[in-house]
């Protein structure tokens, strides 16, 4: 089972941002990271960003994530841009 979610001290676990699915891989040598890819993560992440924008419009928000491969991706058209141009929220 794979669970991705987000929460805070103020809101607890945010149910509408909780995703749970059963992985298709089985066996001890298999790794769930092969099933959670950048496309899936980015779809969920976009939901998170919309929720933050709608529910917390005037608040500063800090997000902490680990360094899993699907949490970041380099796009050729963004590599030479300043960081300020990449932030769209």
C-alpha atoms as a PDB file:
ATOM      1  CA  UNK A   1       0.000   0.000   0.000  1.00  0.00           C
ATOM      2  CA  UNK A   2       1.323   3.448  -0.901  1.00  0.00           C
ATOM      3  CA  UNK A   3       0.157   6.519   1.001  1.00  0.00           C
ATOM      4  CA  UNK A   4       0.957  10.131   0.192  1.00  0.00           C
ATOM      5  CA  UNK A   5      -0.480  12.957   2.189  1.00  0.00           C
ATOM      6  CA  UNK A   6       0.138  16.260   3.844  1.00  0.00           C
ATOM      7  CA  UNK A   7      -0.810  17.858   7.113  1.00  0.00           C
ATOM      8  CA  UNK A   8       0.052  20.489   9.655  1.00  0.00           C
ATOM      9  CA  UNK A   9      -0.239  21.182  13.364  1.00  0.00           C
ATOM     10  CA  UNK A  10      -3.149  23.508  12.651  1.00  0.00           C
ATOM     11  CA  UNK A  11      -5.065  21.322  10.160  1.00  0.00           C
ATOM     12  CA  UNK A  12      -3.941  17.796  11.035  1.00  0.00           C
ATOM     13  CA  UNK A  13      -3.964  15.354   8.135  1.00  0.00           C
ATOM     14  CA  UNK A  14      -5.772  16.972   5.225  1.00  0.00           C
ATOM     15  CA  UNK A  15      -8.136  14.256   4.009  1.00  0.00           C
ATOM     16  CA  UNK A  16      -8.801  15.740   0.578  1.00  0.00           C
ATOM     17  CA  UNK A  17      -5.053  15.603  -0.123  1.00  0.00           C
ATOM     18  CA  UNK A  18      -4.580  12.015   1.023  1.00  0.00           C
ATOM     19  CA  UNK A  19      -3.896   9.476  -1.725  1.00  0.00           C
ATOM     20  CA  UNK A  20      -3.834   5.752  -0.976  1.00  0.00           C
ATOM     21  CA  UNK A  21      -3.333   3.018  -3.526  1.00  0.00           C
ATOM     22  CA  UNK A  22      -2.245  -0.586  -3.610  1.00  0.00           C
ATOM     23  CA  UNK A  23       1.061  -1.127  -5.320  1.00  0.00           C
ATOM     24  CA  UNK A  24       1.277  -3.687  -8.090  1.00  0.00           C
ATOM     25  CA  UNK A  25       4.779  -4.836  -7.161  1.00  0.00           C
ATOM     26  CA  UNK A  26       5.242  -7.707  -4.766  1.00  0.00           C
ATOM     27  CA  UNK A  27       8.219  -9.422  -3.281  1.00  0.00           C
ATOM     28  CA  UNK A  28      10.917  -8.192  -0.970  1.00  0.00           C
ATOM     29  CA  UNK A  29      13.300  -7.110  -3.713  1.00  0.00           C
ATOM     30  CA  UNK A  30      10.694  -4.855  -5.341  1.00  0.00           C
ATOM     31  CA  UNK A  31      10.659  -1.165  -4.441  1.00  0.00           C
ATOM     32  CA  UNK A  32       7.546   1.030  -4.344  1.00  0.00           C
ATOM     33  CA  UNK A  33       9.600   3.928  -5.731  1.00  0.00           C
ATOM     34  CA  UNK A  34       9.242   2.302  -9.141  1.00  0.00           C
ATOM     35  CA  UNK A  35       5.467   2.840  -8.919  1.00  0.00           C
ATOM     36  CA  UNK A  36       5.502   6.371  -7.562  1.00  0.00           C
ATOM     37  CA  UNK A  37       6.821   8.428 -10.441  1.00  0.00           C
ATOM     38  CA  UNK A  38       7.182  12.136 -11.209  1.00  0.00           C
ATOM     39  CA  UNK A  39       3.894  12.268 -13.147  1.00  0.00           C
ATOM     40  CA  UNK A  40       1.918  10.843 -10.224  1.00  0.00           C
ATOM     41  CA  UNK A  41       3.712  13.040  -7.696  1.00  0.00           C
ATOM     42  CA  UNK A  42       3.260  16.199  -9.795  1.00  0.00           C
ATOM     43  CA  UNK A  43      -0.481  15.567 -10.150  1.00  0.00           C
ATOM     44  CA  UNK A  44      -0.813  15.245  -6.376  1.00  0.00           C
ATOM     45  CA  UNK A  45       1.520  18.201  -5.790  1.00  0.00           C
ATOM     46  CA  UNK A  46      -0.641  20.437  -8.009  1.00  0.00           C
ATOM     47  CA  UNK A  47      -3.640  19.536  -5.819  1.00  0.00           C
ATOM     48  CA  UNK A  48      -1.598  20.503  -2.755  1.00  0.00           C
ATOM     49  CA  UNK A  49      -0.609  23.859  -4.255  1.00  0.00           C
ATOM     50  CA  UNK A  50      -4.220  24.668  -5.216  1.00  0.00           C
ATOM     51  CA  UNK A  51      -5.367  23.758  -1.682  1.00  0.00           C
ATOM     52  CA  UNK A  52      -2.724  26.022  -0.140  1.00  0.00           C
ATOM     53  CA  UNK A  53      -3.633  28.875  -2.476  1.00  0.00           C
ATOM     54  CA  UNK A  54      -7.388  28.498  -1.791  1.00  0.00           C
ATOM     55  CA  UNK A  55      -7.330  27.756   1.952  1.00  0.00           C
ATOM     56  CA  UNK A  56      -4.292  29.751   3.106  1.00  0.00           C
ATOM     57  CA  UNK A  57      -4.124  32.723   0.709  1.00  0.00           C
ATOM     58  CA  UNK A  58      -2.545  35.198   3.124  1.00  0.00           C
ATOM     59  CA  UNK A  59      -0.288  32.843   5.061  1.00  0.00           C
ATOM     60  CA  UNK A  60       3.334  31.942   4.568  1.00  0.00           C
ATOM     61  CA  UNK A  61       3.794  28.215   4.037  1.00  0.00           C
ATOM     62  CA  UNK A  62       6.943  26.113   4.306  1.00  0.00           C
ATOM     63  CA  UNK A  63       6.973  22.698   2.670  1.00  0.00           C
ATOM     64  CA  UNK A  64       9.572  20.068   3.505  1.00  0.00           C
ATOM     65  CA  UNK A  65      10.043  17.039   1.273  1.00  0.00           C
ATOM     66  CA  UNK A  66      12.769  14.452   0.996  1.00  0.00           C
ATOM     67  CA  UNK A  67      15.027  13.959  -1.991  1.00  0.00           C
ATOM     68  CA  UNK A  68      13.196  11.116  -3.760  1.00  0.00           C
ATOM     69  CA  UNK A  69      13.826  11.082  -7.505  1.00  0.00           C
ATOM     70  CA  UNK A  70      10.199  11.878  -8.341  1.00  0.00           C
ATOM     71  CA  UNK A  71      10.204  15.042  -6.199  1.00  0.00           C
ATOM     72  CA  UNK A  72      12.314  16.953  -8.696  1.00  0.00           C
ATOM     73  CA  UNK A  73      12.846  17.062 -12.386  1.00  0.00           C
ATOM     74  CA  UNK A  74      15.052  19.248 -14.583  1.00  0.00           C
ATOM     75  CA  UNK A  75      13.473  20.786 -17.633  1.00  0.00           C
ATOM     76  CA  UNK A  76      15.815  22.209 -20.288  1.00  0.00           C
ATOM     77  CA  UNK A  77      13.753  25.412 -20.641  1.00  0.00           C
ATOM     78  CA  UNK A  78      14.029  26.205 -16.903  1.00  0.00           C
ATOM     79  CA  UNK A  79      17.669  25.451 -16.195  1.00  0.00           C
ATOM     80  CA  UNK A  80      18.968  28.936 -17.085  1.00  0.00           C
ATOM     81  CA  UNK A  81      16.128  30.892 -15.477  1.00  0.00           C
ATOM     82  CA  UNK A  82      16.523  32.656 -12.123  1.00  0.00           C
ATOM     83  CA  UNK A  83      14.736  31.039  -9.178  1.00  0.00           C
ATOM     84  CA  UNK A  84      12.294  33.934  -8.982  1.00  0.00           C
ATOM     85  CA  UNK A  85      10.993  33.047 -12.451  1.00  0.00           C
ATOM     86  CA  UNK A  86      10.312  29.452 -11.412  1.00  0.00           C
ATOM     87  CA  UNK A  87       8.031  30.244  -8.491  1.00  0.00           C
ATOM     88  CA  UNK A  88       4.471  30.541  -9.742  1.00  0.00           C
ATOM     89  CA  UNK A  89       2.397  30.264  -6.573  1.00  0.00           C
END
